PDB file of N, CA and C in Angstrom:
ATOM      1  N   MET A   1      -7.379  11.097 -24.606  1.00  0.00           N
ATOM      2  CA  MET A   1      -7.216  11.092 -23.213  1.00  0.00           C
ATOM      3  C   MET A   1      -8.958  11.364 -22.344  1.00  0.00           C
ATOM      4  N   SER A   2      -9.021  10.711 -21.198  1.00  0.00           N
ATOM      5  CA  SER A   2     -10.159  10.608 -20.978  1.00  0.00           C
ATOM      6  C   SER A   2     -10.612  11.821 -20.084  1.00  0.00           C
ATOM      7  N   ASP A   3     -11.801  12.452 -19.466  1.00  0.00           N
ATOM      8  CA  ASP A   3     -12.046  13.557 -18.885  1.00  0.00           C
ATOM      9  C   ASP A   3     -11.658  13.205 -17.545  1.00  0.00           C
ATOM     10  N   ALA A   4     -11.704  12.553 -16.519  1.00  0.00           N
ATOM     11  CA  ALA A   4     -10.948  12.295 -15.661  1.00  0.00           C
ATOM     12  C   ALA A   4      -9.143  12.599 -15.536  1.00  0.00           C
ATOM     13  N   GLU A   5      -8.641  12.176 -16.832  1.00  0.00           N
ATOM     14  CA  GLU A   5      -7.386  12.437 -16.771  1.00  0.00           C
ATOM     15  C   GLU A   5      -7.345  13.804 -17.050  1.00  0.00           C
ATOM     16  N   LEU A   6      -7.814  14.737 -17.699  1.00  0.00           N
ATOM     17  CA  LEU A   6      -7.815  15.948 -17.984  1.00  0.00           C
ATOM     18  C   LEU A   6      -8.079  16.902 -16.799  1.00  0.00           C
ATOM     19  N   LYS A   7      -8.707  16.429 -16.077  1.00  0.00           N
ATOM     20  CA  LYS A   7      -9.375  17.192 -14.851  1.00  0.00           C
ATOM     21  C   LYS A   7      -8.138  16.868 -13.624  1.00  0.00           C
ATOM     22  N   VAL A   8      -7.527  15.541 -13.884  1.00  0.00           N
ATOM     23  CA  VAL A   8      -6.151  15.461 -13.253  1.00  0.00           C
ATOM     24  C   VAL A   8      -4.759  16.666 -13.541  1.00  0.00           C
ATOM     25  N   ILE A   9      -4.770  16.418 -14.789  1.00  0.00           N
ATOM     26  CA  ILE A   9      -3.883  17.600 -15.409  1.00  0.00           C
ATOM     27  C   ILE A   9      -4.179  18.771 -14.723  1.00  0.00           C
ATOM     28  N   ALA A  10      -5.322  19.140 -14.859  1.00  0.00           N
ATOM     29  CA  ALA A  10      -5.541  20.900 -14.756  1.00  0.00           C
ATOM     30  C   ALA A  10      -5.607  20.847 -12.792  1.00  0.00           C
ATOM     31  N   GLU A  11      -6.009  20.000 -12.405  1.00  0.00           N
ATOM     32  CA  GLU A  11      -5.832  20.256 -11.017  1.00  0.00           C
ATOM     33  C   GLU A  11      -4.206  20.090 -10.691  1.00  0.00           C
ATOM     34  N   ALA A  12      -3.544  19.178 -11.220  1.00  0.00           N
ATOM     35  CA  ALA A  12      -2.201  19.845 -11.202  1.00  0.00           C
ATOM     36  C   ALA A  12      -1.004  20.700 -11.106  1.00  0.00           C
ATOM     37  N   MET A  13      -2.021  21.225 -12.486  1.00  0.00           N
ATOM     38  CA  MET A  13      -1.241  22.628 -13.121  1.00  0.00           C
ATOM     39  C   MET A  13      -1.959  23.774 -12.261  1.00  0.00           C
ATOM     40  N   LYS A  14      -2.846  23.562 -11.311  1.00  0.00           N
ATOM     41  CA  LYS A  14      -3.322  24.719 -10.460  1.00  0.00           C
ATOM     42  C   LYS A  14      -2.509  24.348  -9.233  1.00  0.00           C
ATOM     43  N   ARG A  15      -2.402  23.460  -8.979  1.00  0.00           N
ATOM     44  CA  ARG A  15      -1.631  22.842  -7.241  1.00  0.00           C
ATOM     45  C   ARG A  15      -0.488  23.430  -7.501  1.00  0.00           C
ATOM     46  N   ARG A  16       0.706  23.094  -8.931  1.00  0.00           N
ATOM     47  CA  ARG A  16       1.949  23.619  -8.884  1.00  0.00           C
ATOM     48  C   ARG A  16       2.074  24.911  -9.189  1.00  0.00           C
ATOM     49  N   PHE A  17       1.201  25.545  -9.890  1.00  0.00           N
ATOM     50  CA  PHE A  17       1.974  26.986 -10.269  1.00  0.00           C
ATOM     51  C   PHE A  17       0.695  28.011 -10.252  1.00  0.00           C
ATOM     52  N   ALA A  18      -0.308  27.302  -9.220  1.00  0.00           N
ATOM     53  CA  ALA A  18      -1.437  28.522  -8.773  1.00  0.00           C
ATOM     54  C   ALA A  18      -2.163  29.338 -10.206  1.00  0.00           C
ATOM     55  N   PHE A  19      -2.384  28.507 -10.920  1.00  0.00           N
ATOM     56  CA  PHE A  19      -2.877  29.518 -12.143  1.00  0.00           C
ATOM     57  C   PHE A  19      -4.591  29.289 -12.046  1.00  0.00           C
ATOM     58  N   SER A  20      -5.065  30.126 -12.346  1.00  0.00           N
ATOM     59  CA  SER A  20      -6.438  30.363 -12.463  1.00  0.00           C
ATOM     60  C   SER A  20      -7.206  29.278 -13.149  1.00  0.00           C
ATOM     61  N   ASP A  21      -8.342  29.125 -13.104  1.00  0.00           N
ATOM     62  CA  ASP A  21      -9.285  28.183 -14.107  1.00  0.00           C
ATOM     63  C   ASP A  21      -9.271  28.475 -15.435  1.00  0.00           C
ATOM     64  N   ASP A  22      -9.445  30.016 -15.848  1.00  0.00           N
ATOM     65  CA  ASP A  22      -8.817  30.205 -17.290  1.00  0.00           C
ATOM     66  C   ASP A  22      -7.699  30.046 -17.893  1.00  0.00           C
ATOM     67  N   GLU A  23      -6.511  30.427 -17.091  1.00  0.00           N
ATOM     68  CA  GLU A  23      -5.054  30.239 -17.608  1.00  0.00           C
ATOM     69  C   GLU A  23      -4.881  28.882 -17.360  1.00  0.00           C
ATOM     70  N   THR A  24      -5.494  27.915 -16.490  1.00  0.00           N
ATOM     71  CA  THR A  24      -5.287  26.700 -16.745  1.00  0.00           C
ATOM     72  C   THR A  24      -6.045  26.016 -17.492  1.00  0.00           C
ATOM     73  N   GLN A  25      -7.202  26.496 -18.311  1.00  0.00           N
ATOM     74  CA  GLN A  25      -7.762  25.861 -19.274  1.00  0.00           C
ATOM     75  C   GLN A  25      -6.948  26.154 -20.652  1.00  0.00           C
ATOM     76  N   ALA A  26      -6.682  27.187 -20.651  1.00  0.00           N
ATOM     77  CA  ALA A  26      -5.729  27.795 -21.931  1.00  0.00           C
ATOM     78  C   ALA A  26      -4.858  27.061 -22.032  1.00  0.00           C
ATOM     79  N   LEU A  27      -3.813  26.959 -21.200  1.00  0.00           N
ATOM     80  CA  LEU A  27      -2.925  25.665 -21.476  1.00  0.00           C
ATOM     81  C   LEU A  27      -2.771  24.283 -21.733  1.00  0.00           C
ATOM     82  N   VAL A  28      -4.390  23.947 -21.076  1.00  0.00           N
ATOM     83  CA  VAL A  28      -4.788  22.589 -21.301  1.00  0.00           C
ATOM     84  C   VAL A  28      -5.114  22.411 -22.750  1.00  0.00           C
ATOM     85  N   ASP A  29      -5.877  23.703 -23.394  1.00  0.00           N
ATOM     86  CA  ASP A  29      -6.369  23.330 -24.685  1.00  0.00           C
ATOM     87  C   ASP A  29      -4.782  23.572 -25.918  1.00  0.00           C
ATOM     88  N   ALA A  30      -3.954  24.719 -25.374  1.00  0.00           N
ATOM     89  CA  ALA A  30      -2.573  24.574 -26.045  1.00  0.00           C
ATOM     90  C   ALA A  30      -2.082  23.127 -25.903  1.00  0.00           C
ATOM     91  N   ALA A  31      -1.769  22.614 -25.305  1.00  0.00           N
ATOM     92  CA  ALA A  31      -1.117  21.523 -25.004  1.00  0.00           C
ATOM     93  C   ALA A  31      -1.641  20.484 -25.926  1.00  0.00           C
ATOM     94  N   LEU A  32      -3.163  20.330 -25.469  1.00  0.00           N
ATOM     95  CA  LEU A  32      -3.794  19.469 -26.664  1.00  0.00           C
ATOM     96  C   LEU A  32      -3.589  19.728 -28.170  1.00  0.00           C
ATOM     97  N   GLU A  33      -3.279  20.765 -28.515  1.00  0.00           N
ATOM     98  CA  GLU A  33      -3.460  21.074 -30.198  1.00  0.00           C
ATOM     99  C   GLU A  33      -1.672  20.789 -30.129  1.00  0.00           C
ATOM    100  N   GLN A  34      -0.803  21.287 -29.190  1.00  0.00           N
ATOM    101  CA  GLN A  34       0.386  20.407 -29.757  1.00  0.00           C
ATOM    102  C   GLN A  34       0.804  19.395 -29.677  1.00  0.00           C
ATOM    103  N   GLU A  35      -0.138  18.804 -28.935  1.00  0.00           N
ATOM    104  CA  GLU A  35       0.203  17.268 -28.829  1.00  0.00           C
ATOM    105  C   GLU A  35      -0.569  16.558 -30.404  1.00  0.00           C
ATOM    106  N   ARG A  36      -1.815  17.181 -30.911  1.00  0.00           N
ATOM    107  CA  ARG A  36      -2.256  16.670 -31.929  1.00  0.00           C
ATOM    108  C   ARG A  36      -1.221  16.927 -33.142  1.00  0.00           C
ATOM    109  N   GLU A  37      -0.356  17.829 -33.111  1.00  0.00           N
ATOM    110  CA  GLU A  37       0.431  18.534 -34.350  1.00  0.00           C
ATOM    111  C   GLU A  37       1.461  17.967 -34.215  1.00  0.00           C
ATOM    112  N   ALA A  38       2.269  17.190 -32.755  1.00  0.00           N
ATOM    113  CA  ALA A  38       3.551  16.689 -32.500  1.00  0.00           C
ATOM    114  C   ALA A  38       3.789  15.318 -33.640  1.00  0.00           C
ATOM    115  N   VAL A  39       4.898  15.494 -34.056  1.00  0.00           N
ATOM    116  CA  VAL A  39       5.425  13.960 -34.636  1.00  0.00           C
ATOM    117  C   VAL A  39       6.478  13.061 -33.601  1.00  0.00           C
ATOM    118  N   SER A  40       6.984  14.285 -32.620  1.00  0.00           N
ATOM    119  CA  SER A  40       7.979  13.255 -31.601  1.00  0.00           C
ATOM    120  C   SER A  40       7.867  13.906 -30.731  1.00  0.00           C
ATOM    121  N   LEU A  41       8.333  13.112 -29.046  1.00  0.00           N
ATOM    122  CA  LEU A  41       8.661  13.757 -27.939  1.00  0.00           C
ATOM    123  C   LEU A  41       9.657  14.287 -27.935  1.00  0.00           C
ATOM    124  N   HIS A  42      10.655  14.252 -28.474  1.00  0.00           N
ATOM    125  CA  HIS A  42      11.710  14.729 -28.474  1.00  0.00           C
ATOM    126  C   HIS A  42      11.949  16.283 -28.140  1.00  0.00           C
ATOM    127  N   PRO A  43      11.381  16.943 -28.992  1.00  0.00           N
ATOM    128  CA  PRO A  43      11.494  18.226 -28.784  1.00  0.00           C
ATOM    129  C   PRO A  43      10.653  18.769 -27.252  1.00  0.00           C
ATOM    130  N   PHE A  44       9.965  18.247 -26.749  1.00  0.00           N
ATOM    131  CA  PHE A  44       9.393  18.385 -25.619  1.00  0.00           C
ATOM    132  C   PHE A  44      10.463  17.796 -24.612  1.00  0.00           C
ATOM    133  N   VAL A  45      10.928  16.897 -24.764  1.00  0.00           N
ATOM    134  CA  VAL A  45      11.851  16.051 -24.128  1.00  0.00           C
ATOM    135  C   VAL A  45      13.226  17.009 -23.804  1.00  0.00           C
ATOM    136  N   ARG A  46      13.653  17.618 -24.581  1.00  0.00           N
ATOM    137  CA  ARG A  46      14.534  18.561 -24.787  1.00  0.00           C
ATOM    138  C   ARG A  46      14.551  19.658 -23.713  1.00  0.00           C
ATOM    139  N   LEU A  47      13.409  20.342 -24.196  1.00  0.00           N
ATOM    140  CA  LEU A  47      13.190  21.379 -23.610  1.00  0.00           C
ATOM    141  C   LEU A  47      13.349  21.343 -21.696  1.00  0.00           C
ATOM    142  N   ILE A  48      12.394  19.752 -21.477  1.00  0.00           N
ATOM    143  CA  ILE A  48      12.749  19.697 -19.998  1.00  0.00           C
ATOM    144  C   ILE A  48      13.884  19.132 -19.575  1.00  0.00           C
ATOM    145  N   ILE A  49      14.612  18.685 -20.279  1.00  0.00           N
ATOM    146  CA  ILE A  49      15.963  18.351 -20.006  1.00  0.00           C
ATOM    147  C   ILE A  49      17.129  19.594 -19.731  1.00  0.00           C
ATOM    148  N   GLU A  50      16.989  20.714 -20.706  1.00  0.00           N
ATOM    149  CA  GLU A  50      17.519  21.660 -20.570  1.00  0.00           C
ATOM    150  C   GLU A  50      17.016  22.439 -19.291  1.00  0.00           C
ATOM    151  N   HIS A  51      15.971  22.727 -18.720  1.00  0.00           N
ATOM    152  CA  HIS A  51      15.570  23.864 -18.000  1.00  0.00           C
ATOM    153  C   HIS A  51      14.878  23.647 -16.682  1.00  0.00           C
ATOM    154  N   PHE A  52      14.705  21.813 -16.661  1.00  0.00           N
ATOM    155  CA  PHE A  52      14.306  21.337 -14.924  1.00  0.00           C
ATOM    156  C   PHE A  52      15.410  20.204 -14.584  1.00  0.00           C
ATOM    157  N   SER A  53      15.331  20.477 -13.162  1.00  0.00           N
ATOM    158  CA  SER A  53      16.342  19.821 -12.236  1.00  0.00           C
ATOM    159  C   SER A  53      16.020  18.324 -12.212  1.00  0.00           C
ATOM    160  N   ALA A  54      16.188  17.710 -11.459  1.00  0.00           N
ATOM    161  CA  ALA A  54      16.099  16.320 -11.449  1.00  0.00           C
ATOM    162  C   ALA A  54      15.100  15.707 -10.249  1.00  0.00           C
ATOM    163  N   VAL A  55      15.053  16.963  -9.730  1.00  0.00           N
ATOM    164  CA  VAL A  55      13.566  16.988  -8.754  1.00  0.00           C
ATOM    165  C   VAL A  55      12.330  17.243  -9.770  1.00  0.00           C
ATOM    166  N   GLN A  56      12.377  18.342 -10.207  1.00  0.00           N
ATOM    167  CA  GLN A  56      11.425  18.393 -11.164  1.00  0.00           C
ATOM    168  C   GLN A  56      10.981  17.524 -12.290  1.00  0.00           C
ATOM    169  N   LYS A  57      12.224  16.982 -12.792  1.00  0.00           N
ATOM    170  CA  LYS A  57      11.964  15.662 -13.455  1.00  0.00           C
ATOM    171  C   LYS A  57      10.879  14.453 -13.212  1.00  0.00           C
ATOM    172  N   ARG A  58      11.262  14.056 -11.822  1.00  0.00           N
ATOM    173  CA  ARG A  58      11.032  13.446 -11.142  1.00  0.00           C
ATOM    174  C   ARG A  58       9.208  13.474 -10.417  1.00  0.00           C
ATOM    175  N   ARG A  59       9.035  14.823 -10.539  1.00  0.00           N
ATOM    176  CA  ARG A  59       7.987  14.967 -10.112  1.00  0.00           C
ATOM    177  C   ARG A  59       6.850  15.135 -11.424  1.00  0.00           C
ATOM    178  N   ILE A  60       7.610  15.391 -12.714  1.00  0.00           N
ATOM    179  CA  ILE A  60       6.839  15.067 -13.706  1.00  0.00           C
ATOM    180  C   ILE A  60       6.162  13.944 -13.860  1.00  0.00           C
ATOM    181  N   ILE A  61       7.220  12.950 -13.798  1.00  0.00           N
ATOM    182  CA  ILE A  61       6.688  11.453 -14.436  1.00  0.00           C
ATOM    183  C   ILE A  61       5.773  11.019 -12.965  1.00  0.00           C
ATOM    184  N   GLU A  62       6.072  11.503 -11.734  1.00  0.00           N
ATOM    185  CA  GLU A  62       4.718  11.538 -10.635  1.00  0.00           C
ATOM    186  C   GLU A  62       3.480  11.965 -11.097  1.00  0.00           C
ATOM    187  N   ASP A  63       3.656  13.001 -11.285  1.00  0.00           N
ATOM    188  CA  ASP A  63       2.122  13.615 -12.115  1.00  0.00           C
ATOM    189  C   ASP A  63       1.561  12.706 -13.267  1.00  0.00           C
ATOM    190  N   MET A  64       2.709  12.549 -14.103  1.00  0.00           N
ATOM    191  CA  MET A  64       1.823  11.569 -15.120  1.00  0.00           C
ATOM    192  C   MET A  64       1.438  10.271 -14.694  1.00  0.00           C
ATOM    193  N   TRP A  65       2.215   9.677 -13.840  1.00  0.00           N
ATOM    194  CA  TRP A  65       1.581   8.327 -12.945  1.00  0.00           C
ATOM    195  C   TRP A  65       0.142   8.746 -12.519  1.00  0.00           C
ATOM    196  N   GLU A  66       0.106   9.644 -12.022  1.00  0.00           N
ATOM    197  CA  GLU A  66      -1.199  10.182 -11.490  1.00  0.00           C
ATOM    198  C   GLU A  66      -2.092  10.653 -12.310  1.00  0.00           C
ATOM    199  N   VAL A  67      -1.805  11.044 -13.741  1.00  0.00           N
ATOM    200  CA  VAL A  67      -2.724  11.499 -14.687  1.00  0.00           C
ATOM    201  C   VAL A  67      -3.385   9.963 -15.267  1.00  0.00           C
ATOM    202  N   ALA A  68      -2.151   8.831 -15.101  1.00  0.00           N
ATOM    203  CA  ALA A  68      -2.665   7.598 -16.036  1.00  0.00           C
ATOM    204  C   ALA A  68      -3.423   6.971 -14.903  1.00  0.00           C
ATOM    205  N   TYR A  69      -3.468   6.787 -14.212  1.00  0.00           N
ATOM    206  CA  TYR A  69      -4.631   6.314 -12.962  1.00  0.00           C
ATOM    207  C   TYR A  69      -6.052   7.275 -12.435  1.00  0.00           C
ATOM    208  N   ALA A  70      -5.377   8.273 -13.183  1.00  0.00           N
ATOM    209  CA  ALA A  70      -7.216   9.284 -12.723  1.00  0.00           C
ATOM    210  C   ALA A  70      -8.311   8.192 -13.112  1.00  0.00           C
ATOM    211  N   ASP A  71      -8.276   7.374 -13.832  1.00  0.00           N
ATOM    212  CA  ASP A  71      -9.376   6.621 -14.086  1.00  0.00           C
ATOM    213  C   ASP A  71      -9.536   5.104 -13.387  1.00  0.00           C
ATOM    214  N   ARG A  72      -8.489   5.283 -12.756  1.00  0.00           N
ATOM    215  CA  ARG A  72      -8.758   3.959 -12.065  1.00  0.00           C
ATOM    216  C   ARG A  72      -8.026   2.835 -12.350  1.00  0.00           C
ATOM    217  N   GLU A  73      -7.484   3.167 -13.913  1.00  0.00           N
ATOM    218  CA  GLU A  73      -6.897   1.555 -14.462  1.00  0.00           C
ATOM    219  C   GLU A  73      -5.269   2.139 -14.761  1.00  0.00           C
ATOM    220  N   LEU A  74      -4.418   1.162 -14.680  1.00  0.00           N
ATOM    221  CA  LEU A  74      -3.200   1.125 -15.346  1.00  0.00           C
ATOM    222  C   LEU A  74      -3.327   0.502 -16.752  1.00  0.00           C
ATOM    223  N   ASP A  75      -3.269   1.524 -17.786  1.00  0.00           N
ATOM    224  CA  ASP A  75      -3.197   0.713 -18.787  1.00  0.00           C
ATOM    225  C   ASP A  75      -1.706   0.269 -19.750  1.00  0.00           C
ATOM    226  N   LYS A  76      -1.604  -0.808 -20.260  1.00  0.00           N
ATOM    227  CA  LYS A  76      -0.117  -1.096 -20.401  1.00  0.00           C
ATOM    228  C   LYS A  76       0.494   0.210 -21.303  1.00  0.00           C
ATOM    229  N   TYR A  77      -0.147   0.686 -22.089  1.00  0.00           N
ATOM    230  CA  TYR A  77       0.679   1.646 -23.013  1.00  0.00           C
ATOM    231  C   TYR A  77       0.954   2.907 -22.587  1.00  0.00           C
ATOM    232  N   GLU A  78       0.119   3.198 -21.517  1.00  0.00           N
ATOM    233  CA  GLU A  78       0.186   4.345 -20.587  1.00  0.00           C
ATOM    234  C   GLU A  78       1.379   4.298 -19.859  1.00  0.00           C
ATOM    235  N   GLU A  79       1.555   2.743 -19.560  1.00  0.00           N
ATOM    236  CA  GLU A  79       2.650   2.442 -18.431  1.00  0.00           C
ATOM    237  C   GLU A  79       4.307   2.594 -19.327  1.00  0.00           C
ATOM    238  N   ALA A  80       4.010   2.212 -20.687  1.00  0.00           N
ATOM    239  CA  ALA A  80       5.149   2.148 -21.444  1.00  0.00           C
ATOM    240  C   ALA A  80       5.808   3.307 -21.799  1.00  0.00           C
ATOM    241  N   GLN A  81       4.631   4.642 -21.937  1.00  0.00           N
ATOM    242  CA  GLN A  81       4.885   5.724 -22.634  1.00  0.00           C
ATOM    243  C   GLN A  81       5.539   6.471 -21.660  1.00  0.00           C
ATOM    244  N   ILE A  82       4.858   6.282 -19.992  1.00  0.00           N
ATOM    245  CA  ILE A  82       5.732   7.053 -18.719  1.00  0.00           C
ATOM    246  C   ILE A  82       6.899   6.682 -19.007  1.00  0.00           C
ATOM    247  N   ARG A  83       7.519   5.257 -18.871  1.00  0.00           N
ATOM    248  CA  ARG A  83       8.491   4.614 -18.691  1.00  0.00           C
ATOM    249  C   ARG A  83       9.589   5.137 -20.068  1.00  0.00           C
ATOM    250  N   LYS A  84       8.978   5.352 -21.243  1.00  0.00           N
ATOM    251  CA  LYS A  84       9.808   5.899 -22.315  1.00  0.00           C
ATOM    252  C   LYS A  84      10.286   7.202 -21.865  1.00  0.00           C
ATOM    253  N   ILE A  85       9.463   7.860 -21.204  1.00  0.00           N
ATOM    254  CA  ILE A  85       9.910   9.152 -20.831  1.00  0.00           C
ATOM    255  C   ILE A  85      10.716   9.465 -19.696  1.00  0.00           C
ATOM    256  N   ALA A  86      10.490   8.674 -18.866  1.00  0.00           N
ATOM    257  CA  ALA A  86      11.189   8.689 -17.752  1.00  0.00           C
ATOM    258  C   ALA A  86      13.045   8.193 -18.072  1.00  0.00           C
ATOM    259  N   ASP A  87      12.609   7.162 -19.251  1.00  0.00           N
ATOM    260  CA  ASP A  87      14.290   7.034 -19.493  1.00  0.00           C
ATOM    261  C   ASP A  87      14.907   8.158 -20.506  1.00  0.00           C
ATOM    262  N   LEU A  88      13.854   8.668 -20.808  1.00  0.00           N
ATOM    263  CA  LEU A  88      14.616  10.300 -22.017  1.00  0.00           C
ATOM    264  C   LEU A  88      14.965  11.288 -21.048  1.00  0.00           C
ATOM    265  N   LEU A  89      14.406  11.274 -19.867  1.00  0.00           N
ATOM    266  CA  LEU A  89      14.490  12.268 -19.159  1.00  0.00           C
ATOM    267  C   LEU A  89      15.798  11.831 -18.083  1.00  0.00           C
ATOM    268  N   TYR A  90      16.185  11.120 -18.376  1.00  0.00           N
ATOM    269  CA  TYR A  90      17.327  10.173 -17.668  1.00  0.00           C
ATOM    270  C   TYR A  90      16.965   9.900 -15.929  1.00  0.00           C
ATOM    271  N   VAL A  91      15.544   9.787 -15.604  1.00  0.00           N
ATOM    272  CA  VAL A  91      15.019   9.474 -14.212  1.00  0.00           C
ATOM    273  C   VAL A  91      15.423   8.203 -14.083  1.00  0.00           C
ATOM    274  N   PRO A  92      16.107   8.222 -12.974  1.00  0.00           N
ATOM    275  CA  PRO A  92      16.601   6.714 -12.615  1.00  0.00           C
ATOM    276  C   PRO A  92      15.032   5.682 -12.565  1.00  0.00           C
ATOM    277  N   HIS A  93      15.359   4.208 -13.039  1.00  0.00           N
ATOM    278  CA  HIS A  93      14.387   3.534 -12.712  1.00  0.00           C
ATOM    279  C   HIS A  93      13.900   2.853 -11.287  1.00  0.00           C
ATOM    280  N   LYS A  94      14.270   3.354 -10.150  1.00  0.00           N
ATOM    281  CA  LYS A  94      14.213   3.086  -9.043  1.00  0.00           C
ATOM    282  C   LYS A  94      13.216   4.142  -8.674  1.00  0.00           C
ATOM    283  N   ASP A  95      13.235   5.535  -9.173  1.00  0.00           N
ATOM    284  CA  ASP A  95      12.645   6.824  -9.086  1.00  0.00           C
ATOM    285  C   ASP A  95      11.182   6.797  -9.753  1.00  0.00           C
ATOM    286  N   PHE A  96      11.161   6.040 -10.971  1.00  0.00           N
ATOM    287  CA  PHE A  96       9.970   5.790 -11.739  1.00  0.00           C
ATOM    288  C   PHE A  96       9.343   5.023 -10.792  1.00  0.00           C
ATOM    289  N   ILE A  97       9.587   3.721 -10.284  1.00  0.00           N
ATOM    290  CA  ILE A  97       8.646   2.893  -9.610  1.00  0.00           C
ATOM    291  C   ILE A  97       8.468   3.105  -8.607  1.00  0.00           C
ATOM    292  N   ARG A  98       9.508   4.472  -7.869  1.00  0.00           N
ATOM    293  CA  ARG A  98       8.362   4.877  -6.435  1.00  0.00           C
ATOM    294  C   ARG A  98       7.193   5.617  -6.693  1.00  0.00           C
ATOM    295  N   ALA A  99       7.867   6.465  -7.716  1.00  0.00           N
ATOM    296  CA  ALA A  99       6.629   7.400  -8.185  1.00  0.00           C
ATOM    297  C   ALA A  99       4.990   6.835  -8.735  1.00  0.00           C
ATOM    298  N   LYS A 100       5.373   5.301  -9.252  1.00  0.00           N
ATOM    299  CA  LYS A 100       4.161   4.764  -9.351  1.00  0.00           C
ATOM    300  C   LYS A 100       3.911   3.858  -7.807  1.00  0.00           C
ATOM    301  N   LEU A 101       4.447   3.671  -7.027  1.00  0.00           N
ATOM    302  CA  LEU A 101       3.925   3.091  -6.026  1.00  0.00           C
ATOM    303  C   LEU A 101       3.140   4.028  -5.214  1.00  0.00           C
ATOM    304  N   ARG A 102       3.801   5.407  -5.125  1.00  0.00           N
ATOM    305  CA  ARG A 102       3.123   6.272  -4.262  1.00  0.00           C
ATOM    306  C   ARG A 102       1.921   6.817  -4.887  1.00  0.00           C
ATOM    307  N   ILE A 103       2.078   7.039  -6.014  1.00  0.00           N
ATOM    308  CA  ILE A 103       0.449   7.143  -6.416  1.00  0.00           C
ATOM    309  C   ILE A 103      -0.682   6.150  -6.414  1.00  0.00           C
ATOM    310  N   LEU A 104      -0.069   4.747  -6.215  1.00  0.00           N
ATOM    311  CA  LEU A 104      -1.346   3.481  -6.524  1.00  0.00           C
ATOM    312  C   LEU A 104      -1.092   3.761  -4.709  1.00  0.00           C
ATOM    313  N   GLU A 105      -0.445   3.590  -3.902  1.00  0.00           N
ATOM    314  CA  GLU A 105      -0.966   4.236  -2.188  1.00  0.00           C
ATOM    315  C   GLU A 105      -1.752   4.872  -2.264  1.00  0.00           C
ATOM    316  N   THR A 106      -1.624   6.183  -2.911  1.00  0.00           N
ATOM    317  CA  THR A 106      -2.259   7.221  -2.722  1.00  0.00           C
ATOM    318  C   THR A 106      -3.818   7.046  -3.188  1.00  0.00           C
ATOM    319  N   ALA A 107      -3.801   6.704  -4.553  1.00  0.00           N
ATOM    320  CA  ALA A 107      -5.022   6.537  -4.744  1.00  0.00           C
ATOM    321  C   ALA A 107      -5.561   5.067  -3.826  1.00  0.00           C
ATOM    322  N   GLY A 108      -5.466   4.413  -3.336  1.00  0.00           N
ATOM    323  CA  GLY A 108      -5.975   3.077  -2.679  1.00  0.00           C
ATOM    324  C   GLY A 108      -6.176   3.648  -1.086  1.00  0.00           C
ATOM    325  N   ASN A 109      -5.988   4.897  -0.734  1.00  0.00           N
ATOM    326  CA  ASN A 109      -6.258   5.621   0.272  1.00  0.00           C
ATOM    327  C   ASN A 109      -7.570   6.402   0.031  1.00  0.00           C
ATOM    328  N   LYS A 110      -8.113   6.488  -1.009  1.00  0.00           N
ATOM    329  CA  LYS A 110      -8.748   7.281  -1.425  1.00  0.00           C
ATOM    330  C   LYS A 110     -10.036   6.522  -1.564  1.00  0.00           C
TER     331      LYS A 110
END
């Protein structure tokens, strides 16, 4: 994961949850550690399915697009991963596409 992508993750966490810089860094570090140890997406997906609304799931997908485009490049593997997660979260394809287009439009205006 690039520094630009990590920066976008941290900014999104602060924006959504009003975390301090220290809280954000601790959570990012913990998430990176869990990612290194994970063998599957399914435990993470199950938690989201059980505890998040449809709107929150769509926001997660939009945030993922924002992270993927943080370096101004959309890698085909990142796109495939976001698509897979959107499918696992039962996010409709139209919402997957809308989120992608919204991020591309926002990035084009910067």
